[in-house]
């Protein structure tokens, strides 16, 4: 997405310390160091204080053991781990609220947002994979929380990442935006869907667009990607060109769709009957890049 800047949660400055994950002594050394901090996750949300997301040295969270945490990485001189906890501790100083990362949006700097995204995704995965899907045995965390192993059948489990495509469909000087029944009132966005087994990304774009709105597309062009840990997606962005503007909606997925001229999409003051996703989303970045591409054309 030339000229549109980096996608939210992309270009993270966090050093993930991948080289030490399989070295228990090195992970333990980071845990016991004075610069160690734990990011607690409470039922998928992040405790926030007046200064931002709360992070604690290990001694400040009694009952949180290294074996039940995930090594996230190093950022600005601190090593961060994630831990799932049941509730906010009343002893934490100051007013504390639980916030969803989706609604914190781009209010956080890149490093902190990336750490919270990793913390949320890993703690969700650990809860989902406490038992082996092959034999039902208990699993335990390994490699600094980046792998789980079944005690019974010794099968290894790794965190899931579900790839999904999101596409801005264009035709002439208009683009196609649609709304899912799950969207907030009035919101229109790009078309999106999950990649199926045995399917490449470009084929997924063509299939999803045709399934959802009955439009055939060509010239599928990759634009960028964005991790979306709600709970475990990776959004892969494209622009594609429609063969025509005739629409046939799949009502279970799409309740409305419309072609919007570039001039209208570029002028928020004229959005009388629709809104689009916020700036930090890849959908909005696709729209902004498409608008900007026209302004830079000869």
Protein backbone atom coordinates (compact mmCIF):
# COMPACT_ATOMS: atom_id res chain seq x y z
CA UNK A 1 0.00 0.00 0.00
CA UNK A 2 2.37 2.63 -1.28
CA UNK A 3 2.09 5.93 0.50
CA UNK A 4 -0.42 4.68 3.04
CA UNK A 5 2.07 3.95 5.83
CA UNK A 6 2.41 0.75 7.82
CA UNK A 7 -0.58 -1.30 8.86
CA UNK A 8 -1.48 -1.40 12.53
CA UNK A 9 0.49 -4.11 14.36
CA UNK A 10 2.88 -4.39 11.41
CA UNK A 11 6.58 -3.44 11.42
CA UNK A 12 6.75 -4.26 15.14
CA UNK A 13 9.89 -3.04 16.94
CA UNK A 14 9.66 -5.92 19.44
CA UNK A 15 12.58 -8.39 19.38
CA UNK A 16 10.78 -11.72 19.81
CA UNK A 17 13.94 -13.43 21.15
CA UNK A 18 13.26 -16.52 19.03
CA UNK A 19 16.83 -17.69 19.49
CA UNK A 20 16.38 -18.37 23.23
CA UNK A 21 12.86 -19.86 23.37
CA UNK A 22 14.11 -23.47 23.33
CA UNK A 23 16.76 -22.73 26.00
CA UNK A 24 15.04 -23.05 29.41
CA UNK A 25 17.97 -21.57 31.32
CA UNK A 26 18.08 -18.50 29.06
CA UNK A 27 14.32 -17.98 29.40
CA UNK A 28 14.57 -18.35 33.19
CA UNK A 29 17.40 -15.83 33.27
CA UNK A 30 15.17 -13.29 31.52
CA UNK A 31 12.35 -14.08 33.97
CA UNK A 32 14.53 -13.39 37.01
CA UNK A 33 16.16 -10.25 35.59
CA UNK A 34 15.23 -6.84 37.11
CA UNK A 35 13.90 -5.62 33.77
CA UNK A 36 11.33 -8.45 33.43
CA UNK A 37 7.70 -7.40 33.09
CA UNK A 38 4.48 -9.42 32.86
CA UNK A 39 1.52 -8.31 30.79
CA UNK A 40 -1.61 -9.78 32.40
CA UNK A 41 -4.61 -10.69 30.25
CA UNK A 42 -7.97 -10.97 32.01
CA UNK A 43 -10.55 -12.92 29.99
CA UNK A 44 -9.13 -11.58 26.73
CA UNK A 45 -8.90 -7.98 27.92
CA UNK A 46 -6.02 -5.82 29.09
CA UNK A 47 -5.85 -4.05 32.46
CA UNK A 48 -5.34 -0.34 31.86
CA UNK A 49 -4.29 2.33 34.32
CA UNK A 50 -4.06 6.10 33.97
CA UNK A 51 -0.69 5.77 32.20
CA UNK A 52 -1.68 2.95 29.86
CA UNK A 53 -1.47 -0.87 29.85
CA UNK A 54 -0.34 -2.35 33.16
CA UNK A 55 2.86 -4.39 33.34
CA UNK A 56 4.33 -5.93 36.50
CA UNK A 57 7.56 -7.50 37.69
CA UNK A 58 7.02 -11.20 38.52
CA UNK A 59 7.10 -10.66 42.28
CA UNK A 60 4.12 -8.31 42.00
CA UNK A 61 1.85 -11.08 40.67
CA UNK A 62 1.83 -13.88 43.27
CA UNK A 63 0.83 -17.21 41.81
CA UNK A 64 2.03 -16.42 38.28
CA UNK A 65 4.75 -18.93 37.53
CA UNK A 66 7.18 -18.93 34.61
CA UNK A 67 5.78 -22.25 33.32
CA UNK A 68 2.36 -20.65 32.82
CA UNK A 69 3.57 -17.63 30.87
CA UNK A 70 4.69 -16.89 27.32
CA UNK A 71 7.90 -15.10 26.44
CA UNK A 72 6.87 -12.25 24.13
CA UNK A 73 10.17 -10.50 23.56
CA UNK A 74 12.27 -7.46 24.38
CA UNK A 75 11.26 -3.85 23.86
CA UNK A 76 12.74 -0.61 25.17
CA UNK A 77 15.02 -2.34 27.64
CA UNK A 78 12.45 -4.71 29.17
CA UNK A 79 11.71 -8.38 28.59
CA UNK A 80 7.98 -9.06 28.44
CA UNK A 81 6.01 -12.20 29.29
CA UNK A 82 2.24 -12.72 29.02
CA UNK A 83 0.07 -14.39 31.63
CA UNK A 84 -3.64 -15.16 31.79
CA UNK A 85 -5.18 -14.25 35.13
CA UNK A 86 -8.72 -14.57 36.40
CA UNK A 87 -9.44 -11.05 37.64
CA UNK A 88 -8.03 -7.63 38.41
CA UNK A 89 -6.28 -7.68 41.79
CA UNK A 90 -7.79 -5.12 44.22
CA UNK A 91 -4.28 -4.29 45.42
CA UNK A 92 -3.27 -2.75 42.08
CA UNK A 93 -2.80 0.95 42.59
CA UNK A 94 -5.07 3.54 41.00
CA UNK A 95 -8.19 3.10 38.89
CA UNK A 96 -7.96 0.04 36.64
CA UNK A 97 -10.22 -0.76 33.70
CA UNK A 98 -10.33 -3.79 31.41
CA UNK A 99 -10.10 -2.81 27.76
CA UNK A 100 -10.35 -4.78 24.51
CA UNK A 101 -7.40 -4.28 22.17
CA UNK A 102 -9.79 -3.81 19.25
CA UNK A 103 -11.12 -0.63 20.85
CA UNK A 104 -7.72 0.66 21.95
CA UNK A 105 -6.97 0.77 18.22
CA UNK A 106 -4.02 2.88 17.18
CA UNK A 107 -3.94 4.85 20.44
CA UNK A 108 -0.91 2.83 21.52
CA UNK A 109 2.56 3.08 20.05
CA UNK A 110 3.59 0.22 17.78
CA UNK A 111 5.69 -1.70 20.30
CA UNK A 112 3.11 -1.69 23.07
CA UNK A 113 0.25 -2.53 20.71
CA UNK A 114 2.25 -5.42 19.28
CA UNK A 115 3.02 -6.80 22.74
CA UNK A 116 -0.65 -6.64 23.75
CA UNK A 117 -1.68 -8.36 20.52
CA UNK A 118 0.80 -11.15 21.13
CA UNK A 119 -0.29 -11.45 24.76
CA UNK A 120 -3.94 -11.76 23.81
CA UNK A 121 -3.32 -14.30 21.05
CA UNK A 122 -1.01 -16.53 23.09
CA UNK A 123 -3.14 -16.60 26.22
CA UNK A 124 -6.19 -17.50 24.10
CA UNK A 125 -4.27 -20.32 22.42
CA UNK A 126 -3.02 -21.75 25.71
CA UNK A 127 -6.57 -21.89 27.05
CA UNK A 128 -7.81 -23.63 23.90
CA UNK A 129 -5.02 -26.22 23.84
CA UNK A 130 -4.84 -27.32 27.47
CA UNK A 131 -5.67 -30.82 26.21
CA UNK A 132 -4.45 -32.75 23.19
CA UNK A 133 -6.81 -32.95 20.23
CA UNK A 134 -5.48 -36.42 19.31
CA UNK A 135 -5.74 -38.31 22.61
CA UNK A 136 -7.26 -35.90 25.13
CA UNK A 137 -4.21 -35.89 27.37
CA UNK A 138 -3.01 -32.84 29.23
CA UNK A 139 -0.54 -30.59 27.46
CA UNK A 140 2.24 -28.47 28.92
CA UNK A 141 3.94 -25.34 27.61
CA UNK A 142 7.42 -25.57 26.15
CA UNK A 143 9.81 -23.19 24.37
CA UNK A 144 8.89 -20.17 26.43
CA UNK A 145 5.18 -20.78 25.77
CA UNK A 146 5.52 -21.04 21.97
CA UNK A 147 4.85 -24.79 21.87
CA UNK A 148 2.76 -27.25 23.87
CA UNK A 149 3.44 -30.97 24.22
CA UNK A 150 1.01 -33.72 25.17
CA UNK A 151 2.15 -35.70 28.23
CA UNK A 152 0.45 -38.86 26.96
CA UNK A 153 1.17 -39.18 23.22
CA UNK A 154 4.02 -36.62 22.98
CA UNK A 155 2.34 -34.73 20.16
CA UNK A 156 3.51 -31.14 19.71
CA UNK A 157 0.99 -28.32 19.29
CA UNK A 158 1.81 -24.91 17.88
CA UNK A 159 -0.19 -21.66 17.86
CA UNK A 160 -2.72 -21.36 15.05
CA UNK A 161 -2.71 -18.49 12.62
CA UNK A 162 -5.77 -18.36 10.35
CA UNK A 163 -5.08 -16.56 7.04
CA UNK A 164 -7.92 -14.47 5.66
CA UNK A 165 -8.06 -12.29 2.56
CA UNK A 166 -9.56 -8.82 2.45
CA UNK A 167 -10.05 -7.16 -0.93
CA UNK A 168 -10.98 -3.77 -2.31
CA UNK A 169 -12.83 -4.48 -5.55
CA UNK A 170 -12.61 -1.65 -8.11
CA UNK A 171 -14.36 -0.97 -11.39
CA UNK A 172 -13.50 2.21 -13.22
CA UNK A 173 -13.58 5.06 -10.72
CA UNK A 174 -15.66 3.25 -8.10
CA UNK A 175 -15.01 0.61 -5.48
CA UNK A 176 -17.33 -1.98 -3.98
CA UNK A 177 -18.06 -1.81 -0.24
CA UNK A 178 -20.43 -4.08 1.63
CA UNK A 179 -21.84 -4.69 5.07
CA UNK A 180 -22.11 -7.90 7.01
CA UNK A 181 -25.08 -8.42 9.36
CA UNK A 182 -22.48 -8.43 12.15
CA UNK A 183 -21.27 -4.87 11.41
CA UNK A 184 -22.26 -1.80 13.45
CA UNK A 185 -25.18 0.15 11.94
CA UNK A 186 -24.29 1.95 8.71
CA UNK A 187 -20.79 0.51 8.37
CA UNK A 188 -19.48 -0.54 4.96
CA UNK A 189 -16.17 -2.28 4.43
CA UNK A 190 -14.14 -4.37 2.02
CA UNK A 191 -15.05 -7.98 1.29
CA UNK A 192 -13.16 -10.59 3.31
CA UNK A 193 -13.07 -14.31 4.04
CA UNK A 194 -10.93 -17.15 5.31
CA UNK A 195 -8.58 -19.17 3.11
CA UNK A 196 -9.66 -22.77 2.63
CA UNK A 197 -7.33 -25.81 2.68
CA UNK A 198 -5.51 -26.29 -0.62
CA UNK A 199 -6.33 -22.77 -1.78
CA UNK A 200 -3.88 -20.00 -2.57
CA UNK A 201 -4.57 -16.39 -1.64
CA UNK A 202 -5.47 -15.15 -5.11
CA UNK A 203 -7.93 -18.01 -5.64
CA UNK A 204 -9.47 -17.21 -2.27
CA UNK A 205 -10.00 -13.60 -3.34
CA UNK A 206 -11.77 -14.68 -6.52
CA UNK A 207 -13.91 -17.27 -4.72
CA UNK A 208 -14.93 -15.03 -1.80
CA UNK A 209 -15.91 -12.10 -4.01
CA UNK A 210 -18.02 -14.29 -6.28
CA UNK A 211 -19.62 -16.15 -3.36
CA UNK A 212 -20.54 -13.00 -1.46
CA UNK A 213 -21.59 -10.58 -4.22
CA UNK A 214 -21.63 -12.58 -7.47
CA UNK A 215 -18.84 -10.55 -9.10
CA UNK A 216 -15.99 -12.05 -11.13
CA UNK A 217 -12.64 -10.32 -10.57
CA UNK A 218 -9.27 -10.27 -12.33
CA UNK A 219 -5.87 -8.60 -11.79
CA UNK A 220 -5.65 -9.59 -8.12
CA UNK A 221 -2.82 -7.49 -6.62
CA UNK A 222 -1.27 -7.96 -3.18
CA UNK A 223 -1.20 -4.79 -1.06
CA UNK A 224 -0.07 -5.71 2.45
CA UNK A 225 -0.96 -7.69 5.55
CA UNK A 226 -2.02 -7.11 9.14
CA UNK A 227 -2.12 -9.45 12.13
CA UNK A 228 -5.60 -9.49 13.62
CA UNK A 229 -5.50 -11.36 16.96
CA UNK A 230 -9.27 -11.60 17.48
CA UNK A 231 -8.42 -14.30 18.17
CA UNK A 232 -5.85 -15.56 15.64
CA UNK A 233 -6.21 -14.19 12.11
CA UNK A 234 -3.74 -12.77 9.63
CA UNK A 235 -5.44 -10.39 7.20
CA UNK A 236 -3.87 -10.35 3.73
CA UNK A 237 -4.94 -7.34 1.68
CA UNK A 238 -5.57 -7.15 -2.07
CA UNK A 239 -7.05 -4.94 -4.76
CA UNK A 240 -8.87 -6.64 -7.63
CA UNK A 241 -10.68 -5.43 -10.74
CA UNK A 242 -14.32 -6.41 -11.33
CA UNK A 243 -15.53 -7.64 -14.72
CA UNK A 244 -18.78 -5.67 -14.26
CA UNK A 245 -20.91 -4.02 -11.55
CA UNK A 246 -23.84 -6.46 -11.44
CA UNK A 247 -24.37 -7.71 -7.86
CA UNK A 248 -25.97 -10.89 -6.53
CA UNK A 249 -25.69 -10.88 -2.73
CA UNK A 250 -25.34 -13.91 -0.49
CA UNK A 251 -27.77 -12.82 2.27
CA UNK A 252 -26.22 -14.94 5.01
CA UNK A 253 -22.95 -13.07 4.58
CA UNK A 254 -23.83 -9.71 3.00
CA UNK A 255 -26.94 -7.67 3.76
CA UNK A 256 -26.03 -4.69 1.55
CA UNK A 257 -23.39 -3.67 -0.99
CA UNK A 258 -22.86 -0.64 -3.16
CA UNK A 259 -20.43 0.89 -5.61
CA UNK A 260 -18.96 4.12 -4.23
CA UNK A 261 -17.24 6.65 -6.42
CA UNK A 262 -13.70 7.60 -5.52
CA UNK A 263 -14.61 11.27 -5.12
CA UNK A 264 -17.28 10.42 -2.54
CA UNK A 265 -15.07 8.02 -0.58
CA UNK A 266 -12.37 10.68 -0.40
CA UNK A 267 -14.72 13.20 1.28
CA UNK A 268 -15.94 12.08 4.76
CA UNK A 269 -18.15 15.15 5.06
CA UNK A 270 -20.36 13.64 2.35
CA UNK A 271 -20.84 10.31 4.12
CA UNK A 272 -24.48 10.93 5.00
CA UNK A 273 -25.68 7.33 5.01
CA UNK A 274 -22.60 5.19 5.69
CA UNK A 275 -19.38 4.98 7.68
CA UNK A 276 -16.21 2.96 7.06
CA UNK A 277 -13.83 1.17 9.45
CA UNK A 278 -11.37 3.25 11.52
CA UNK A 279 -7.98 4.33 10.27
CA UNK A 280 -6.00 1.57 12.00
CA UNK A 281 -7.75 -1.26 10.12
CA UNK A 282 -6.38 -2.79 6.94
CA UNK A 283 -9.76 -2.23 5.28
CA UNK A 284 -9.43 1.54 5.72
CA UNK A 285 -5.81 1.44 4.62
CA UNK A 286 -6.85 -0.29 1.40
CA UNK A 287 -9.42 2.45 0.80
CA UNK A 288 -6.97 5.26 1.57
CA UNK A 289 -4.29 3.78 -0.69
CA UNK A 290 -6.82 3.41 -3.52
CA UNK A 291 -7.87 7.05 -3.16
CA UNK A 292 -4.25 8.20 -2.99
CA UNK A 293 -3.28 6.14 -6.05
CA UNK A 294 -5.67 8.21 -8.14
CA UNK A 295 -4.31 11.50 -6.82
CA UNK A 296 -0.76 10.49 -7.82
CA UNK A 297 -1.67 9.19 -11.29
CA UNK A 298 -0.33 11.20 -14.25
